[in-house]
Amino acid sequence: MNRAERRAAERKAVKLARKAGFSIRAAVVPAEERNTLETETTTHTGQALAVGASLGVSESEPQTDRHESISDARLAANRANAQLSTGPLSAEGKAKSSLNAVKTGLTGRTVLLPADDAAIYQQHLDRYFAKHAPATDEEKSLTQSIADTEWRLLRIAPLEAGIYAVGRRKLADLFSEEQNPVNREALIQAEVFLTFRKDFSNLALQERRLINQRNAEVAQLEQLQKDRRDKHAAEFKRATALYKSTRKLGLPFEPAFFGFVFSIEEREDHTNREQATAFAQDQPSDFTKEQFEACLAKWRERKAA
C-alpha cells in the first residue's frame, strides 16, 4: 500500500470509529497496526470495533468532539479580544482616527489636509464651478470631484520638492572629496533620486492616476452638459412650433400644459437669442436692427438687476 492509500485508509477508519460512538485518543494509527486497516470487514460496526481496539478505544467512554471544544475556546477568546479593540470612543479620538490613513493627501476621501487653507480651497472650488457652470446635481457632483482632483494634483510639485529637500539634508556630507561644486551638486542630486526612487515613482504613479481620473470626469461632464443642451434646444424648438401654431389658431399657449418645464418668457428669450444671433451673422432672421438693439438692451437690464 502506498502512502496516499494508507492515509486514505486511516481517515476512513477514524471516520468509521466516530460513527460507531468511539472517542479516539490518537490522531494517527501506529505503524505496526496499519496492516490491519488494509483488510475491510463486511460491516461498518466490525470495522469500527477493529480500529477502536487497535487504537485503544473503549466503547464505554463518552464521545467527545475535540474540534468543537477548540472552536468554543477560540470563539470565547475572539469575543474577549473584540471588547479590547473597539477603537476610539470620544469625538476627538474618532476625528483623529479618521485621519490615520492621510499621508500625502493624494488618495482617500480626505481632500483638505490640516495645513491646507480652507479659504483658498473654497476659492479654488468657486473658480471651477464658475468655469463649468453645472446645472444638475450630477453635473455639480462631477465638478466638485474635478476640482478636488486638481487640488490633489497641485500637491505633487511641493511633495517632490520636499523629498529633494529632505534628501539633500540627509546626504549633505556625501562626495566631500569632489572639489568641483557643480559636480558635487549633481552627484548629491543623483544620490537623492536613487535613495528616494521609490517615493518619486509613487508620486509619478499617483500623478498619472489623478490626471486620468480628471480627464475622464471632465469628458463625462462635458457629455452630460452637451446632452442637456441638446435636449433643451430640442424642447425649445418643439415649444416654438407649438407656440406659433396656437397663435395662428388664436389659442393661448401654456408651456406646462404641453409638458414643458420652462415659462413663456424663457421660450421667448430663447427665440429672441436665436433671431439676434442669426441677424448678427447676417443670416435670415425676423429681426430688424431696432429689434436687435431692443433685445440687447433688455438683456443688459436683466444682467444689471
Protein backbone atom coordinates (compact mmCIF):
# COMPACT_ATOMS: atom_id res chain seq x y z
CA MET A 1 0.00 0.00 0.00
CA ASN A 2 1.45 3.38 -0.98
CA ARG A 3 1.40 6.45 1.22
CA ALA A 4 -1.73 8.01 -0.34
CA GLU A 5 -3.73 4.80 0.04
CA ARG A 6 -2.52 4.42 3.61
CA ARG A 7 -3.57 7.93 4.54
CA ALA A 8 -6.98 7.40 2.92
CA ALA A 9 -7.44 4.19 4.92
CA GLU A 10 -6.52 5.99 8.15
CA ARG A 11 -9.04 8.76 7.52
CA LYS A 12 -11.74 6.24 6.67
CA ALA A 13 -11.02 4.25 9.82
CA VAL A 14 -11.20 7.32 12.03
CA LYS A 15 -14.50 8.31 10.45
CA LEU A 16 -15.98 4.84 10.96
CA ALA A 17 -14.87 4.80 14.60
CA ARG A 18 -16.60 8.11 15.26
CA LYS A 19 -19.81 6.88 13.62
CA ALA A 20 -19.78 3.88 15.93
CA GLY A 21 -19.64 6.16 19.01
CA PHE A 22 -15.97 5.81 19.97
CA SER A 23 -13.65 8.54 21.19
CA ILE A 24 -10.22 8.47 19.57
CA ARG A 25 -7.17 9.08 21.71
CA ALA A 26 -4.69 9.02 18.84
CA ALA A 27 -4.75 11.11 15.70
CA VAL A 28 -2.50 8.74 13.76
CA VAL A 29 -2.56 4.93 13.63
CA PRO A 30 0.73 3.36 14.80
CA ALA A 31 2.86 1.98 12.01
CA GLU A 32 2.80 -1.59 13.32
CA GLU A 33 -1.01 -1.59 13.29
CA ARG A 34 -1.55 -0.08 9.81
CA ASN A 35 -1.65 -3.53 8.16
CA THR A 36 -4.86 -4.28 10.00
CA LEU A 37 -6.52 -1.47 8.08
CA GLU A 38 -5.79 -2.95 4.69
CA THR A 39 -8.46 -5.61 5.10
CA GLU A 40 -12.03 -4.33 5.04
CA THR A 41 -14.59 -6.13 7.14
CA THR A 42 -18.12 -6.76 6.00
CA THR A 43 -19.90 -4.23 8.18
CA HIS A 44 -19.20 -0.71 9.47
CA THR A 45 -19.55 -1.93 13.05
CA GLY A 46 -16.91 -4.61 12.57
CA GLN A 47 -14.54 -2.07 11.03
CA ALA A 48 -15.10 0.37 13.87
CA LEU A 49 -14.51 -2.31 16.53
CA ALA A 50 -11.30 -3.44 14.89
CA VAL A 51 -9.94 0.10 14.55
CA GLY A 52 -11.13 1.01 18.05
CA ALA A 53 -9.30 -1.97 19.53
CA SER A 54 -6.10 -1.14 17.65
CA LEU A 55 -6.23 2.48 18.87
CA GLY A 56 -7.09 1.67 22.48
CA VAL A 57 -10.64 2.96 22.21
CA SER A 58 -13.19 1.90 24.79
CA GLU A 59 -16.89 1.56 23.99
CA SER A 60 -17.78 2.79 27.45
CA GLU A 61 -16.02 6.12 27.04
CA PRO A 62 -18.29 9.07 26.20
CA GLN A 63 -17.95 10.55 22.74
CA THR A 64 -16.25 13.95 22.63
CA ASP A 65 -15.59 16.30 19.73
CA ARG A 66 -12.13 17.83 20.06
CA HIS A 67 -12.74 20.28 17.19
CA GLU A 68 -15.89 21.62 18.84
CA SER A 69 -14.08 22.29 22.13
CA ILE A 70 -11.30 24.14 20.26
CA SER A 71 -13.81 26.20 18.31
CA ASP A 72 -15.65 27.18 21.50
CA ALA A 73 -12.42 28.26 23.17
CA ARG A 74 -11.33 30.23 20.14
CA LEU A 75 -14.73 31.88 19.87
CA ALA A 76 -14.58 32.94 23.52
CA ALA A 77 -11.09 34.37 23.03
CA ASN A 78 -12.18 36.27 19.93
CA ARG A 79 -15.10 37.78 21.79
CA ALA A 80 -12.83 38.86 24.64
CA ASN A 81 -10.33 40.42 22.23
CA ALA A 82 -13.11 42.23 20.39
CA GLN A 83 -14.02 44.06 23.59
CA LEU A 84 -10.49 45.42 23.73
CA SER A 85 -10.43 46.60 20.07
CA THR A 86 -13.45 48.85 19.77
CA GLY A 87 -11.41 51.88 18.69
CA PRO A 88 -11.67 55.44 19.96
CA LEU A 89 -14.88 56.35 21.76
CA SER A 90 -14.62 60.14 22.10
CA ALA A 91 -15.41 62.55 19.28
CA GLU A 92 -11.83 63.85 19.29
CA GLY A 93 -10.43 60.33 19.11
CA LYS A 94 -12.70 59.40 16.23
CA ALA A 95 -11.75 62.54 14.33
CA LYS A 96 -8.06 61.81 14.82
CA SER A 97 -8.51 58.18 13.83
CA SER A 98 -10.25 59.19 10.61
CA LEU A 99 -7.02 60.88 9.50
CA ASN A 100 -4.74 57.92 10.22
CA ALA A 101 -4.52 56.99 6.54
CA VAL A 102 -3.84 60.55 5.37
CA LYS A 103 -0.19 60.91 4.42
CA THR A 104 0.14 62.90 1.22
CA GLY A 105 -3.50 63.78 0.54
CA LEU A 106 -3.30 62.15 -2.91
CA THR A 107 -5.66 59.27 -2.10
CA GLY A 108 -8.69 58.61 0.06
CA ARG A 109 -11.74 60.74 0.68
CA THR A 110 -9.93 63.45 2.65
CA VAL A 111 -9.26 66.46 0.43
CA LEU A 112 -8.12 69.10 2.90
CA LEU A 113 -5.05 68.37 4.99
CA PRO A 114 -4.60 70.03 8.38
CA ALA A 115 -2.12 72.51 6.86
CA ASP A 116 -4.39 73.47 3.94
CA ASP A 117 -6.09 76.86 3.84
CA ALA A 118 -9.86 76.33 3.70
CA ALA A 119 -10.46 79.82 2.25
CA ILE A 120 -8.05 79.20 -0.64
CA TYR A 121 -9.68 75.82 -1.23
CA GLN A 122 -13.12 77.50 -1.39
CA GLN A 123 -11.79 80.00 -3.94
CA HIS A 124 -10.44 77.05 -5.93
CA LEU A 125 -13.90 75.45 -5.88
CA ASP A 126 -15.60 78.70 -6.89
CA ARG A 127 -13.35 79.00 -9.94
CA TYR A 128 -14.21 75.51 -11.13
CA PHE A 129 -17.94 75.95 -10.57
CA ALA A 130 -17.80 79.25 -12.48
CA LYS A 131 -15.82 77.60 -15.28
CA HIS A 132 -18.05 74.56 -15.77
CA ALA A 133 -21.38 76.11 -14.70
CA PRO A 134 -23.04 72.84 -13.59
CA ALA A 135 -26.84 72.88 -13.69
CA THR A 136 -27.87 69.47 -12.34
CA ASP A 137 -26.91 67.54 -9.21
CA GLU A 138 -24.89 65.06 -11.26
CA GLU A 139 -23.02 67.89 -13.00
CA LYS A 140 -22.33 69.57 -9.65
CA SER A 141 -21.01 66.33 -8.19
CA LEU A 142 -18.65 65.85 -11.14
CA THR A 143 -17.48 69.47 -10.91
CA GLN A 144 -16.72 69.00 -7.22
CA SER A 145 -14.74 65.83 -7.96
CA ILE A 146 -12.79 67.53 -10.78
CA ALA A 147 -11.89 70.43 -8.52
CA ASP A 148 -10.79 68.05 -5.75
CA THR A 149 -8.65 66.06 -8.17
CA GLU A 150 -6.98 69.25 -9.36
CA TRP A 151 -6.40 70.23 -5.72
CA ARG A 152 -4.60 66.93 -5.17
CA LEU A 153 -2.56 67.39 -8.35
CA LEU A 154 -1.34 70.74 -7.03
CA ARG A 155 0.36 68.84 -4.18
CA ILE A 156 2.63 66.82 -6.49
CA ALA A 157 5.25 69.50 -7.16
CA PRO A 158 5.62 70.61 -3.49
CA LEU A 159 5.87 66.98 -2.39
CA GLU A 160 8.57 66.28 -4.94
CA ALA A 161 10.49 69.39 -3.90
CA GLY A 162 10.08 68.35 -0.26
CA ILE A 163 11.57 64.91 -0.93
CA TYR A 164 14.58 66.52 -2.60
CA ALA A 165 14.99 68.92 0.34
CA VAL A 166 14.87 66.10 2.88
CA GLY A 167 17.28 64.04 0.79
CA ARG A 168 19.77 66.86 0.42
CA ARG A 169 19.77 67.42 4.17
CA LYS A 170 20.35 63.75 4.91
CA LEU A 171 23.01 63.29 2.24
CA ALA A 172 24.72 66.68 2.50
CA ASP A 173 28.02 65.16 3.67
CA LEU A 174 28.43 62.84 0.70
CA PHE A 175 31.09 63.30 -2.02
CA SER A 176 33.17 65.67 0.10
CA GLU A 177 36.21 64.63 -1.93
CA GLU A 178 34.74 66.25 -5.06
CA GLN A 179 36.37 69.68 -5.45
CA ASN A 180 34.10 70.96 -8.21
CA PRO A 181 30.91 72.32 -6.53
CA VAL A 182 28.85 71.84 -9.68
CA ASN A 183 29.85 68.20 -9.98
CA ARG A 184 29.28 67.62 -6.26
CA GLU A 185 25.82 69.16 -6.51
CA ALA A 186 24.98 66.88 -9.43
CA LEU A 187 26.24 63.82 -7.55
CA ILE A 188 24.23 64.63 -4.44
CA GLN A 189 21.13 65.27 -6.55
CA ALA A 190 21.54 61.91 -8.26
CA GLU A 191 22.09 60.16 -4.93
CA VAL A 192 18.92 61.73 -3.54
CA PHE A 193 16.97 60.40 -6.51
CA LEU A 194 18.45 56.92 -6.15
CA THR A 195 17.84 56.86 -2.39
CA PHE A 196 14.24 58.04 -2.65
CA ARG A 197 13.48 56.46 -6.01
CA LYS A 198 10.52 54.53 -4.62
CA ASP A 199 8.94 57.75 -3.31
CA PHE A 200 9.45 59.54 -6.61
CA SER A 201 7.98 56.59 -8.50
CA ASN A 202 4.96 56.58 -6.23
CA LEU A 203 4.44 60.30 -6.83
CA ALA A 204 4.62 59.79 -10.60
CA LEU A 205 2.14 56.91 -10.35
CA GLN A 206 -0.29 59.00 -8.30
CA GLU A 207 0.06 61.89 -10.72
CA ARG A 208 -0.81 59.71 -13.73
CA ARG A 209 -3.77 58.24 -11.86
CA LEU A 210 -5.11 61.65 -10.90
CA ILE A 211 -4.66 63.04 -14.42
CA ASN A 212 -6.51 60.09 -15.91
CA GLN A 213 -9.29 60.48 -13.35
CA ARG A 214 -9.60 64.21 -14.04
CA ASN A 215 -9.66 63.76 -17.82
CA ALA A 216 -12.32 61.05 -17.57
CA GLU A 217 -14.52 63.17 -15.30
CA VAL A 218 -14.14 66.26 -17.50
CA ALA A 219 -15.15 64.23 -20.55
CA GLN A 220 -18.15 62.81 -18.66
CA LEU A 221 -19.20 66.28 -17.51
CA GLU A 222 -18.91 67.75 -21.00
CA GLN A 223 -21.00 64.92 -22.42
CA LEU A 224 -23.69 65.42 -19.76
CA GLN A 225 -23.83 69.14 -20.46
CA LYS A 226 -23.97 68.59 -24.22
CA ASP A 227 -26.84 66.13 -23.82
CA ARG A 228 -28.65 68.58 -21.57
CA ARG A 229 -28.20 71.47 -24.01
CA ASP A 230 -29.26 69.34 -26.96
CA LYS A 231 -32.37 68.21 -25.10
CA HIS A 232 -33.11 71.77 -24.04
CA ALA A 233 -32.72 73.05 -27.60
CA ALA A 234 -34.99 70.31 -28.93
CA GLU A 235 -37.61 71.17 -26.31
CA PHE A 236 -37.48 74.87 -27.21
CA LYS A 237 -37.76 74.03 -30.90
CA ARG A 238 -40.85 71.94 -30.25
CA ALA A 239 -42.27 74.64 -27.98
CA THR A 240 -41.69 77.30 -30.63
CA ALA A 241 -43.57 75.26 -33.20
CA LEU A 242 -46.50 74.80 -30.78
CA TYR A 243 -46.40 78.49 -29.86
CA LYS A 244 -46.69 79.54 -33.49
CA SER A 245 -49.49 77.04 -34.10
CA THR A 246 -51.54 78.19 -31.10
CA ARG A 247 -51.12 81.87 -32.03
CA LYS A 248 -52.20 81.14 -35.58
CA LEU A 249 -55.33 79.46 -34.22
CA GLY A 250 -55.91 82.25 -31.72
CA LEU A 251 -55.41 79.90 -28.77
CA PRO A 252 -53.48 80.61 -25.57
CA PHE A 253 -50.11 78.90 -25.18
CA GLU A 254 -49.27 77.41 -21.80
CA PRO A 255 -45.90 75.59 -21.76
CA ALA A 256 -46.73 73.49 -18.68
CA PHE A 257 -49.91 72.20 -20.35
CA PHE A 258 -47.80 70.70 -23.15
CA GLY A 259 -45.29 69.21 -20.69
CA PHE A 260 -42.61 71.90 -20.86
CA VAL A 261 -40.80 72.96 -17.69
CA PHE A 262 -39.92 76.48 -18.86
CA SER A 263 -42.06 79.59 -18.89
CA ILE A 264 -43.35 81.63 -21.82
CA GLU A 265 -40.74 84.30 -21.05
CA GLU A 266 -37.93 81.72 -21.21
CA ARG A 267 -39.23 80.44 -24.53
CA GLU A 268 -39.42 83.97 -25.90
CA ASP A 269 -35.92 84.73 -24.68
CA HIS A 270 -34.64 81.61 -26.41
CA THR A 271 -36.33 82.58 -29.67
CA ASN A 272 -35.04 86.15 -29.41
CA ARG A 273 -31.48 84.93 -28.89
CA GLU A 274 -31.72 82.71 -31.94
CA GLN A 275 -33.08 85.57 -34.06
CA ALA A 276 -30.48 88.02 -32.71
CA THR A 277 -27.66 85.55 -33.41
CA ALA A 278 -28.87 84.99 -36.96
CA PHE A 279 -29.20 88.79 -37.52
CA ALA A 280 -25.67 89.44 -36.17
CA GLN A 281 -24.28 86.78 -38.54
CA ASP A 282 -26.15 88.31 -41.50
CA GLN A 283 -28.29 85.22 -41.86
CA PRO A 284 -32.07 85.04 -42.49
CA SER A 285 -33.80 86.49 -39.43
CA ASP A 286 -37.10 88.02 -38.41
CA PHE A 287 -35.23 90.73 -36.50
CA THR A 288 -34.64 94.26 -37.61
CA LYS A 289 -31.82 96.45 -36.31
CA GLU A 290 -34.21 98.11 -33.86
CA GLN A 291 -35.43 94.72 -32.55
CA PHE A 292 -31.84 93.54 -32.14
CA GLU A 293 -30.92 96.65 -30.13
CA ALA A 294 -34.08 96.33 -28.02
CA CYS A 295 -33.33 92.67 -27.28
CA LEU A 296 -29.75 93.55 -26.30
CA ALA A 297 -30.92 96.37 -24.04
CA LYS A 298 -33.40 94.07 -22.33
CA TRP A 299 -30.65 91.50 -21.71
CA ARG A 300 -28.41 94.21 -20.18
CA GLU A 301 -31.18 95.31 -17.82
CA ARG A 302 -31.69 91.76 -16.58
CA LYS A 303 -27.95 91.26 -16.11
CA ALA A 304 -27.64 94.51 -14.13
CA ALA A 305 -30.57 93.53 -11.91
